């Protein structure tokens, strides 16, 4: 597949977690432990391909389940540590994880607000809105990208667990794909 000119120059890839890396829980349910975390097909290969291309791979995720008392920030950190171990065994790595532990309207970091992205830009000054892309499966992911002036790729995801607003997100995104592997193919 030829490089999509719209995605040339991408140096940093921001990934949502649930629905992009792993199977999303049904609405109203939350994933805060490794035993509940089931990677989607091809995720290891897709992340390894991003790593080989020299791009930064950063996960940005709303984790409202913390605010609701379903699990703790420590549980999320432990899950991410296990994910790092799993990916390392497949020659892949995520450079950083950022997550919002707050409930609705409590902060500036819950997507679509920009806080998680701005924190990542501070930590990785070589990344910028001009050379980054957001890959997500919800309207809040795509709105976050648009609000910051970043390019975006919408993953359609499983119709059974898709959040409301999917059609609007697909219409706002720069590209629509079925999986993370397809999103990565647009960048290579």
N, C-alpha and C. Protein backbone atom coordinates (compact mmCIF):
# COMPACT_ATOMS: atom_id res chain seq x y z
N UNK A 1 0.86 -1.18 0.00
CA UNK A 1 0.00 0.00 0.00
C UNK A 1 0.90 1.24 0.00
N UNK A 2 0.70 2.17 -0.92
CA UNK A 2 1.53 3.38 -0.96
C UNK A 2 1.23 4.27 0.24
N UNK A 3 2.24 5.07 0.60
CA UNK A 3 2.07 6.00 1.72
C UNK A 3 0.97 6.99 1.38
N UNK A 4 0.08 7.19 2.33
CA UNK A 4 -0.99 8.17 2.18
C UNK A 4 -0.37 9.55 2.39
N UNK A 5 -0.38 10.43 1.40
CA UNK A 5 0.29 11.72 1.55
C UNK A 5 -0.25 12.55 2.72
N UNK A 6 -1.49 12.30 3.09
CA UNK A 6 -2.07 13.05 4.21
C UNK A 6 -1.36 12.73 5.52
N UNK A 7 -0.75 11.55 5.60
CA UNK A 7 -0.11 11.13 6.84
C UNK A 7 1.41 11.14 6.77
N UNK A 8 1.98 11.81 5.78
CA UNK A 8 3.43 11.92 5.71
C UNK A 8 3.94 12.80 6.86
N UNK A 9 5.13 12.48 7.33
CA UNK A 9 5.76 13.28 8.36
C UNK A 9 5.32 12.97 9.78
N UNK A 10 4.57 11.89 9.97
CA UNK A 10 4.10 11.53 11.31
C UNK A 10 5.28 10.95 12.10
N UNK A 11 5.57 11.54 13.25
CA UNK A 11 6.66 11.08 14.11
C UNK A 11 6.14 10.54 15.44
N UNK A 12 4.91 10.87 15.81
CA UNK A 12 4.35 10.43 17.09
C UNK A 12 2.92 9.95 16.85
N UNK A 13 2.62 8.75 17.39
CA UNK A 13 1.29 8.17 17.21
C UNK A 13 0.65 8.03 18.59
N UNK A 14 -0.43 8.76 18.79
CA UNK A 14 -1.21 8.67 20.03
C UNK A 14 -2.30 7.64 19.83
N UNK A 15 -2.32 6.64 20.71
CA UNK A 15 -3.31 5.57 20.63
C UNK A 15 -4.25 5.63 21.82
N UNK A 16 -5.54 5.55 21.57
CA UNK A 16 -6.47 5.26 22.64
C UNK A 16 -6.20 3.82 23.06
N UNK A 17 -6.66 3.42 24.24
CA UNK A 17 -6.41 2.05 24.70
C UNK A 17 -7.58 1.12 24.39
N UNK A 18 -8.66 1.24 25.15
CA UNK A 18 -9.79 0.31 25.03
C UNK A 18 -10.50 0.52 23.70
N UNK A 19 -10.55 -0.55 22.90
CA UNK A 19 -11.15 -0.47 21.58
C UNK A 19 -10.14 -0.29 20.46
N UNK A 20 -8.92 0.09 20.81
CA UNK A 20 -7.84 0.23 19.83
C UNK A 20 -6.80 -0.87 20.05
N UNK A 21 -6.36 -1.00 21.31
CA UNK A 21 -5.38 -2.03 21.65
C UNK A 21 -6.05 -3.31 22.12
N UNK A 22 -7.12 -3.18 22.87
CA UNK A 22 -7.79 -4.32 23.48
C UNK A 22 -9.28 -4.26 23.24
N UNK A 23 -9.90 -5.41 23.43
CA UNK A 23 -11.35 -5.50 23.26
C UNK A 23 -12.02 -4.59 24.28
N UNK A 24 -12.88 -3.73 23.80
CA UNK A 24 -13.59 -2.77 24.65
C UNK A 24 -14.66 -3.49 25.46
N UNK A 25 -14.82 -3.06 26.71
CA UNK A 25 -15.89 -3.60 27.55
C UNK A 25 -17.23 -3.02 27.11
N UNK A 26 -18.32 -3.72 27.36
CA UNK A 26 -19.64 -3.13 27.07
C UNK A 26 -19.83 -1.82 27.84
N UNK A 27 -20.65 -0.94 27.30
CA UNK A 27 -20.90 0.37 27.92
C UNK A 27 -21.29 0.17 29.39
N UNK A 28 -20.67 0.96 30.27
CA UNK A 28 -20.94 0.88 31.70
C UNK A 28 -20.04 -0.10 32.44
N UNK A 29 -19.23 -0.86 31.70
CA UNK A 29 -18.26 -1.75 32.31
C UNK A 29 -16.86 -1.20 32.05
N UNK A 30 -15.90 -1.61 32.89
CA UNK A 30 -14.57 -1.01 32.82
C UNK A 30 -13.49 -2.09 32.92
N UNK A 31 -12.34 -1.81 32.31
CA UNK A 31 -11.22 -2.74 32.30
C UNK A 31 -10.09 -2.11 33.12
N UNK A 32 -9.81 -2.70 34.28
CA UNK A 32 -8.76 -2.17 35.13
C UNK A 32 -7.74 -3.21 35.57
N UNK A 33 -7.90 -4.44 35.09
CA UNK A 33 -7.00 -5.52 35.49
C UNK A 33 -6.59 -6.34 34.27
N UNK A 34 -5.40 -6.91 34.34
CA UNK A 34 -4.86 -7.69 33.23
C UNK A 34 -5.79 -8.83 32.84
N UNK A 35 -6.43 -9.45 33.81
CA UNK A 35 -7.32 -10.59 33.54
C UNK A 35 -8.53 -10.18 32.69
N UNK A 36 -8.85 -8.90 32.65
CA UNK A 36 -9.98 -8.38 31.86
C UNK A 36 -9.53 -7.82 30.51
N UNK A 37 -8.24 -7.79 30.30
CA UNK A 37 -7.62 -7.11 29.16
C UNK A 37 -7.31 -8.14 28.07
N UNK A 38 -7.95 -8.00 26.91
CA UNK A 38 -7.76 -8.95 25.81
C UNK A 38 -7.35 -8.18 24.56
N UNK A 39 -6.07 -8.34 24.17
CA UNK A 39 -5.55 -7.63 23.01
C UNK A 39 -6.32 -8.00 21.75
N UNK A 40 -6.49 -7.03 20.89
CA UNK A 40 -7.12 -7.25 19.59
C UNK A 40 -6.10 -7.88 18.64
N UNK A 41 -6.55 -8.61 17.64
CA UNK A 41 -5.63 -9.25 16.69
C UNK A 41 -4.73 -8.22 16.00
N UNK A 42 -3.44 -8.58 15.91
CA UNK A 42 -2.48 -7.77 15.17
C UNK A 42 -1.89 -6.59 15.91
N UNK A 43 -2.29 -6.35 17.14
CA UNK A 43 -1.81 -5.18 17.88
C UNK A 43 -0.30 -5.24 18.08
N UNK A 44 0.22 -6.41 18.45
CA UNK A 44 1.67 -6.52 18.67
C UNK A 44 2.43 -6.19 17.39
N UNK A 45 1.99 -6.74 16.25
CA UNK A 45 2.65 -6.46 14.97
C UNK A 45 2.57 -4.98 14.61
N UNK A 46 1.42 -4.38 14.84
CA UNK A 46 1.23 -2.96 14.49
C UNK A 46 2.16 -2.07 15.31
N UNK A 47 2.24 -2.33 16.61
CA UNK A 47 3.10 -1.50 17.46
C UNK A 47 4.57 -1.73 17.11
N UNK A 48 4.94 -2.99 16.86
CA UNK A 48 6.32 -3.28 16.46
C UNK A 48 6.66 -2.55 15.16
N UNK A 49 5.73 -2.48 14.22
CA UNK A 49 5.97 -1.76 12.97
C UNK A 49 6.17 -0.27 13.22
N UNK A 50 5.38 0.30 14.12
CA UNK A 50 5.58 1.71 14.48
C UNK A 50 6.95 1.91 15.10
N UNK A 51 7.35 1.00 15.99
CA UNK A 51 8.67 1.09 16.62
C UNK A 51 9.78 1.03 15.57
N UNK A 52 9.69 0.08 14.65
CA UNK A 52 10.72 -0.07 13.60
C UNK A 52 10.81 1.18 12.73
N UNK A 53 9.69 1.89 12.57
CA UNK A 53 9.69 3.10 11.74
C UNK A 53 10.27 4.30 12.47
N UNK A 54 10.60 4.13 13.75
CA UNK A 54 11.20 5.22 14.53
C UNK A 54 10.20 6.19 15.13
N UNK A 55 8.93 5.84 15.05
CA UNK A 55 7.90 6.73 15.61
C UNK A 55 7.71 6.49 17.10
N UNK A 56 7.34 7.55 17.81
CA UNK A 56 6.93 7.43 19.21
C UNK A 56 5.55 6.82 19.25
N UNK A 57 5.30 5.97 20.26
CA UNK A 57 3.99 5.36 20.45
C UNK A 57 3.54 5.71 21.87
N UNK A 58 2.46 6.47 21.97
CA UNK A 58 1.98 6.99 23.25
C UNK A 58 0.51 6.63 23.40
N UNK A 59 0.17 6.04 24.54
CA UNK A 59 -1.22 5.71 24.83
C UNK A 59 -1.84 6.81 25.67
N UNK A 60 -3.01 7.29 25.26
CA UNK A 60 -3.78 8.29 26.01
C UNK A 60 -5.18 7.72 26.22
N UNK A 61 -5.58 7.62 27.49
CA UNK A 61 -6.81 6.88 27.78
C UNK A 61 -7.60 7.52 28.91
N UNK A 62 -8.90 7.64 28.71
CA UNK A 62 -9.79 8.01 29.81
C UNK A 62 -10.02 6.76 30.65
N UNK A 63 -9.84 6.88 31.96
CA UNK A 63 -10.04 5.74 32.86
C UNK A 63 -11.01 6.14 33.97
N UNK A 64 -12.23 6.41 33.56
CA UNK A 64 -13.27 6.84 34.48
C UNK A 64 -13.56 5.81 35.58
N UNK A 65 -13.26 4.55 35.31
CA UNK A 65 -13.47 3.50 36.30
C UNK A 65 -12.76 3.77 37.62
N UNK A 66 -11.67 4.54 37.57
CA UNK A 66 -10.97 4.92 38.81
C UNK A 66 -11.86 5.83 39.64
N UNK A 67 -12.41 6.87 39.00
CA UNK A 67 -13.27 7.82 39.72
C UNK A 67 -14.51 7.14 40.28
N UNK A 68 -14.98 6.11 39.58
CA UNK A 68 -16.18 5.40 40.02
C UNK A 68 -15.88 4.31 41.05
N UNK A 69 -14.60 4.11 41.36
CA UNK A 69 -14.23 3.15 42.40
C UNK A 69 -14.14 1.71 41.94
N UNK A 70 -14.11 1.45 40.64
CA UNK A 70 -14.03 0.08 40.13
C UNK A 70 -12.62 -0.49 40.25
N UNK A 71 -11.62 0.37 40.19
CA UNK A 71 -10.22 -0.02 40.32
C UNK A 71 -9.43 1.24 40.65
N UNK A 72 -8.13 1.10 40.91
CA UNK A 72 -7.30 2.22 41.32
C UNK A 72 -6.31 2.60 40.22
N UNK A 73 -5.66 3.74 40.40
CA UNK A 73 -4.58 4.13 39.49
C UNK A 73 -3.48 3.08 39.51
N UNK A 74 -3.23 2.51 40.70
CA UNK A 74 -2.23 1.45 40.82
C UNK A 74 -2.59 0.23 40.00
N UNK A 75 -3.88 -0.10 39.95
CA UNK A 75 -4.32 -1.22 39.12
C UNK A 75 -4.04 -0.95 37.64
N UNK A 76 -4.29 0.28 37.21
CA UNK A 76 -4.04 0.65 35.81
C UNK A 76 -2.54 0.60 35.53
N UNK A 77 -1.73 1.12 36.45
CA UNK A 77 -0.28 1.06 36.26
C UNK A 77 0.19 -0.39 36.16
N UNK A 78 -0.36 -1.28 36.99
CA UNK A 78 0.01 -2.69 36.96
C UNK A 78 -0.41 -3.33 35.64
N UNK A 79 -1.59 -3.00 35.15
CA UNK A 79 -2.05 -3.51 33.87
C UNK A 79 -1.10 -3.05 32.76
N UNK A 80 -0.73 -1.78 32.78
CA UNK A 80 0.17 -1.25 31.75
C UNK A 80 1.55 -1.90 31.84
N UNK A 81 2.02 -2.21 33.05
CA UNK A 81 3.30 -2.90 33.21
C UNK A 81 3.23 -4.29 32.57
N UNK A 82 2.13 -4.99 32.79
CA UNK A 82 1.95 -6.31 32.16
C UNK A 82 1.88 -6.18 30.64
N UNK A 83 1.21 -5.15 30.16
CA UNK A 83 1.14 -4.93 28.72
C UNK A 83 2.54 -4.67 28.16
N UNK A 84 3.33 -3.87 28.84
CA UNK A 84 4.72 -3.62 28.39
C UNK A 84 5.49 -4.94 28.29
N UNK A 85 5.36 -5.80 29.31
CA UNK A 85 6.05 -7.10 29.30
C UNK A 85 5.59 -7.94 28.10
N UNK A 86 4.29 -7.99 27.90
CA UNK A 86 3.73 -8.77 26.79
C UNK A 86 4.26 -8.24 25.45
N UNK A 87 4.21 -6.94 25.26
CA UNK A 87 4.67 -6.36 24.00
C UNK A 87 6.17 -6.59 23.79
N UNK A 88 6.96 -6.48 24.87
CA UNK A 88 8.41 -6.69 24.76
C UNK A 88 8.70 -8.10 24.25
N UNK A 89 7.91 -9.07 24.68
CA UNK A 89 8.09 -10.45 24.23
C UNK A 89 7.79 -10.60 22.74
N UNK A 90 7.13 -9.60 22.15
CA UNK A 90 6.79 -9.60 20.73
C UNK A 90 7.57 -8.54 19.96
N UNK A 91 8.64 -8.02 20.57
CA UNK A 91 9.48 -7.03 19.90
C UNK A 91 8.83 -5.68 19.71
N UNK A 92 7.94 -5.32 20.64
CA UNK A 92 7.20 -4.05 20.53
C UNK A 92 7.25 -3.31 21.86
N UNK A 93 7.04 -2.00 21.78
CA UNK A 93 7.02 -1.21 23.02
C UNK A 93 6.13 0.03 22.86
N UNK A 94 5.57 0.43 23.98
CA UNK A 94 4.85 1.71 24.07
C UNK A 94 5.76 2.64 24.86
N UNK A 95 5.97 3.84 24.33
CA UNK A 95 6.91 4.77 24.94
C UNK A 95 6.37 5.41 26.21
N UNK A 96 5.07 5.61 26.29
CA UNK A 96 4.49 6.23 27.48
C UNK A 96 2.99 5.99 27.53
N UNK A 97 2.49 5.97 28.75
CA UNK A 97 1.05 5.86 29.00
C UNK A 97 0.61 7.10 29.76
N UNK A 98 -0.48 7.70 29.34
CA UNK A 98 -1.12 8.81 30.05
C UNK A 98 -2.59 8.45 30.20
N UNK A 99 -3.12 8.61 31.40
CA UNK A 99 -4.53 8.32 31.57
C UNK A 99 -5.18 9.32 32.51
N UNK A 100 -6.45 9.57 32.23
CA UNK A 100 -7.25 10.47 33.06
C UNK A 100 -8.05 9.62 34.04
N UNK A 101 -7.86 9.85 35.36
CA UNK A 101 -8.59 9.07 36.37
C UNK A 101 -9.88 9.72 36.83
N UNK A 102 -10.27 10.83 36.20
CA UNK A 102 -11.37 11.65 36.69
C UNK A 102 -12.72 11.27 36.11
N UNK A 103 -13.76 11.74 36.77
CA UNK A 103 -15.12 11.58 36.27
C UNK A 103 -15.40 12.71 35.27
N UNK A 104 -16.57 12.70 34.70
CA UNK A 104 -16.96 13.69 33.71
C UNK A 104 -16.86 15.10 34.27
N UNK A 105 -16.37 16.03 33.48
CA UNK A 105 -16.35 17.47 33.80
C UNK A 105 -15.60 17.81 35.08
N UNK A 106 -14.57 17.04 35.43
CA UNK A 106 -13.80 17.32 36.65
C UNK A 106 -12.40 17.84 36.37
N UNK A 107 -11.97 17.89 35.09
CA UNK A 107 -10.55 18.15 34.82
C UNK A 107 -10.37 18.70 33.42
N UNK A 108 -9.11 18.90 33.05
CA UNK A 108 -8.79 19.29 31.68
C UNK A 108 -8.05 18.18 30.95
N UNK A 109 -8.02 16.97 31.57
CA UNK A 109 -7.29 15.87 30.93
C UNK A 109 -8.20 14.80 30.33
N UNK A 110 -9.47 14.83 30.65
CA UNK A 110 -10.38 13.82 30.10
C UNK A 110 -10.69 14.17 28.65
N UNK A 111 -10.31 13.27 27.74
CA UNK A 111 -10.59 13.53 26.33
C UNK A 111 -12.09 13.75 26.14
N UNK A 112 -12.48 14.74 25.38
CA UNK A 112 -11.72 15.41 24.32
C UNK A 112 -10.89 16.62 24.77
N UNK A 113 -10.80 16.88 26.05
CA UNK A 113 -9.96 18.00 26.49
C UNK A 113 -8.49 17.65 26.24
N UNK A 114 -7.62 18.65 26.18
CA UNK A 114 -6.26 18.43 25.68
C UNK A 114 -5.20 18.02 26.71
N UNK A 115 -5.54 17.94 27.98
CA UNK A 115 -4.53 17.80 29.03
C UNK A 115 -3.54 16.66 28.86
N UNK A 116 -4.01 15.47 28.50
CA UNK A 116 -3.10 14.32 28.35
C UNK A 116 -2.12 14.56 27.21
N UNK A 117 -2.59 15.13 26.13
CA UNK A 117 -1.73 15.40 24.97
C UNK A 117 -0.70 16.48 25.30
N UNK A 118 -1.14 17.53 25.99
CA UNK A 118 -0.21 18.60 26.34
C UNK A 118 0.88 18.08 27.27
N UNK A 119 0.52 17.18 28.19
CA UNK A 119 1.52 16.57 29.07
C UNK A 119 2.53 15.76 28.25
N UNK A 120 2.05 15.00 27.29
CA UNK A 120 2.94 14.22 26.43
C UNK A 120 3.85 15.13 25.61
N UNK A 121 3.32 16.23 25.09
CA UNK A 121 4.15 17.16 24.32
C UNK A 121 5.24 17.78 25.19
N UNK A 122 4.95 18.00 26.47
CA UNK A 122 5.99 18.50 27.39
C UNK A 122 7.06 17.44 27.61
N UNK A 123 6.63 16.18 27.77
CA UNK A 123 7.58 15.10 28.03
C UNK A 123 8.38 14.71 26.78
N UNK A 124 7.80 14.89 25.62
CA UNK A 124 8.45 14.53 24.35
C UNK A 124 8.46 15.75 23.45
N UNK A 125 9.38 16.68 23.68
CA UNK A 125 9.35 17.95 22.93
C UNK A 125 9.54 17.80 21.42
N UNK A 126 10.04 16.65 20.97
CA UNK A 126 10.16 16.45 19.53
C UNK A 126 8.80 16.17 18.88
N UNK A 127 7.81 15.83 19.68
CA UNK A 127 6.46 15.61 19.17
C UNK A 127 5.70 16.93 19.14
N UNK A 128 4.86 17.10 18.14
CA UNK A 128 4.08 18.32 18.01
C UNK A 128 2.74 18.00 17.36
N UNK A 129 1.84 18.95 17.38
CA UNK A 129 0.55 18.72 16.73
C UNK A 129 0.73 18.52 15.23
N UNK A 130 1.77 19.11 14.66
CA UNK A 130 2.00 18.99 13.22
C UNK A 130 2.51 17.61 12.82
N UNK A 131 3.26 16.94 13.72
CA UNK A 131 3.86 15.66 13.32
C UNK A 131 3.28 14.47 14.09
N UNK A 132 2.07 14.64 14.61
CA UNK A 132 1.43 13.58 15.39
C UNK A 132 0.06 13.23 14.80
N UNK A 133 -0.40 12.04 15.14
CA UNK A 133 -1.72 11.57 14.74
C UNK A 133 -2.36 10.88 15.94
N UNK A 134 -3.67 10.98 16.05
CA UNK A 134 -4.45 10.29 17.07
C UNK A 134 -5.19 9.14 16.39
N UNK A 135 -5.06 7.94 16.98
CA UNK A 135 -5.80 6.78 16.50
C UNK A 135 -6.76 6.39 17.63
N UNK A 136 -8.06 6.50 17.36
CA UNK A 136 -9.04 6.22 18.39
C UNK A 136 -10.31 5.62 17.85
N UNK A 137 -11.15 5.16 18.78
CA UNK A 137 -12.39 4.50 18.39
C UNK A 137 -13.62 5.21 18.93
N UNK A 138 -13.45 6.45 19.40
CA UNK A 138 -14.61 7.17 19.93
C UNK A 138 -14.59 8.63 19.47
N UNK A 139 -15.74 9.25 19.58
CA UNK A 139 -15.87 10.65 19.21
C UNK A 139 -14.92 11.51 20.03
N UNK A 140 -14.74 11.21 21.32
CA UNK A 140 -13.86 12.04 22.15
C UNK A 140 -12.41 11.99 21.66
N UNK A 141 -11.97 10.86 21.12
CA UNK A 141 -10.61 10.77 20.57
C UNK A 141 -10.46 11.70 19.37
N UNK A 142 -11.41 11.63 18.47
CA UNK A 142 -11.34 12.41 17.23
C UNK A 142 -11.53 13.90 17.54
N UNK A 143 -12.43 14.24 18.46
CA UNK A 143 -12.61 15.64 18.85
C UNK A 143 -11.36 16.19 19.51
N UNK A 144 -10.67 15.38 20.30
CA UNK A 144 -9.41 15.82 20.93
C UNK A 144 -8.40 16.17 19.84
N UNK A 145 -8.27 15.31 18.85
CA UNK A 145 -7.33 15.57 17.76
C UNK A 145 -7.70 16.85 17.03
N UNK A 146 -8.96 16.99 16.69
CA UNK A 146 -9.40 18.19 15.95
C UNK A 146 -9.19 19.46 16.78
N UNK A 147 -9.49 19.38 18.07
CA UNK A 147 -9.32 20.55 18.93
C UNK A 147 -7.89 21.03 19.00
N UNK A 148 -6.94 20.10 18.89
CA UNK A 148 -5.53 20.45 18.93
C UNK A 148 -4.95 20.71 17.54
N UNK A 149 -5.71 20.44 16.49
CA UNK A 149 -5.22 20.61 15.13
C UNK A 149 -4.38 19.44 14.65
N UNK A 150 -4.61 18.25 15.22
CA UNK A 150 -3.86 17.05 14.83
C UNK A 150 -4.67 16.22 13.84
N UNK A 151 -3.97 15.41 13.08
CA UNK A 151 -4.62 14.46 12.19
C UNK A 151 -5.18 13.30 13.03
N UNK A 152 -6.17 12.60 12.46
CA UNK A 152 -6.80 11.53 13.23
C UNK A 152 -7.23 10.38 12.33
N UNK A 153 -7.23 9.18 12.94
CA UNK A 153 -7.70 7.97 12.28
C UNK A 153 -8.71 7.32 13.21
N UNK A 154 -9.89 7.06 12.69
CA UNK A 154 -10.95 6.45 13.48
C UNK A 154 -11.01 4.95 13.19
N UNK A 155 -10.96 4.16 14.26
CA UNK A 155 -11.13 2.71 14.15
C UNK A 155 -12.60 2.40 14.43
N UNK A 156 -13.24 1.80 13.46
CA UNK A 156 -14.69 1.54 13.57
C UNK A 156 -15.04 0.65 14.75
N UNK A 157 -14.27 -0.38 15.00
CA UNK A 157 -14.50 -1.22 16.17
C UNK A 157 -15.71 -2.12 16.07
N UNK A 158 -15.91 -2.86 17.13
CA UNK A 158 -17.00 -3.84 17.22
C UNK A 158 -18.33 -3.11 17.40
N UNK A 159 -19.30 -3.32 16.52
CA UNK A 159 -20.60 -2.65 16.66
C UNK A 159 -21.28 -2.92 18.00
N UNK A 160 -20.98 -4.08 18.62
CA UNK A 160 -21.60 -4.44 19.90
C UNK A 160 -21.16 -3.54 21.05
N UNK A 161 -19.94 -3.01 20.99
CA UNK A 161 -19.41 -2.20 22.10
C UNK A 161 -19.11 -0.76 21.68
N UNK A 162 -19.45 -0.41 20.48
CA UNK A 162 -19.18 0.95 19.97
C UNK A 162 -19.98 1.98 20.75
N UNK A 163 -19.33 3.06 21.13
CA UNK A 163 -20.01 4.16 21.82
C UNK A 163 -20.85 4.95 20.83
N UNK A 164 -21.81 5.67 21.36
CA UNK A 164 -22.58 6.59 20.53
C UNK A 164 -21.65 7.64 19.92
N UNK A 165 -22.02 8.15 18.78
CA UNK A 165 -21.22 9.18 18.13
C UNK A 165 -20.23 8.62 17.12
N UNK A 166 -20.28 7.31 16.89
CA UNK A 166 -19.33 6.69 15.95
C UNK A 166 -19.45 7.27 14.55
N UNK A 167 -20.67 7.49 14.10
CA UNK A 167 -20.86 8.02 12.75
C UNK A 167 -20.28 9.43 12.65
N UNK A 168 -20.51 10.23 13.68
CA UNK A 168 -19.96 11.59 13.69
C UNK A 168 -18.43 11.54 13.72
N UNK A 169 -17.87 10.65 14.54
CA UNK A 169 -16.41 10.52 14.62
C UNK A 169 -15.83 10.12 13.27
N UNK A 170 -16.47 9.16 12.60
CA UNK A 170 -16.00 8.72 11.29
C UNK A 170 -16.02 9.88 10.29
N UNK A 171 -17.04 10.73 10.39
CA UNK A 171 -17.13 11.88 9.49
C UNK A 171 -16.10 12.95 9.77
N UNK A 172 -15.64 13.07 11.01
CA UNK A 172 -14.66 14.09 11.39
C UNK A 172 -13.21 13.63 11.18
N UNK A 173 -12.99 12.33 11.22
CA UNK A 173 -11.63 11.79 11.14
C UNK A 173 -11.05 11.96 9.73
N UNK A 174 -9.73 11.97 9.66
CA UNK A 174 -9.04 12.06 8.38
C UNK A 174 -9.06 10.73 7.62
N UNK A 175 -9.24 9.64 8.35
CA UNK A 175 -9.34 8.32 7.74
C UNK A 175 -10.13 7.42 8.67
N UNK A 176 -10.76 6.39 8.09
CA UNK A 176 -11.53 5.41 8.85
C UNK A 176 -11.01 4.03 8.46
N UNK A 177 -10.69 3.22 9.48
CA UNK A 177 -10.15 1.88 9.26
C UNK A 177 -10.84 0.90 10.20
N UNK A 178 -10.54 -0.40 10.01
CA UNK A 178 -11.15 -1.44 10.84
C UNK A 178 -10.27 -1.87 12.00
N UNK A 179 -8.96 -1.56 11.95
CA UNK A 179 -8.05 -2.06 12.98
C UNK A 179 -6.82 -1.19 13.11
N UNK A 180 -6.06 -1.41 14.18
CA UNK A 180 -4.80 -0.70 14.36
C UNK A 180 -3.83 -1.05 13.24
N UNK A 181 -3.81 -2.29 12.81
CA UNK A 181 -2.92 -2.67 11.70
C UNK A 181 -3.23 -1.86 10.44
N UNK A 182 -4.51 -1.67 10.15
CA UNK A 182 -4.87 -0.86 8.98
C UNK A 182 -4.45 0.60 9.17
N UNK A 183 -4.58 1.10 10.40
CA UNK A 183 -4.15 2.48 10.66
C UNK A 183 -2.65 2.63 10.43
N UNK A 184 -1.87 1.69 10.93
CA UNK A 184 -0.42 1.74 10.76
C UNK A 184 -0.04 1.66 9.29
N UNK A 185 -0.78 0.85 8.51
CA UNK A 185 -0.51 0.74 7.08
C UNK A 185 -0.66 2.08 6.37
N UNK A 186 -1.53 2.94 6.85
CA UNK A 186 -1.68 4.27 6.25
C UNK A 186 -0.43 5.14 6.46
N UNK A 187 0.32 4.83 7.52
CA UNK A 187 1.47 5.65 7.87
C UNK A 187 2.76 5.17 7.20
N UNK A 188 2.76 3.93 6.73
CA UNK A 188 3.99 3.35 6.15
C UNK A 188 3.98 3.38 4.65
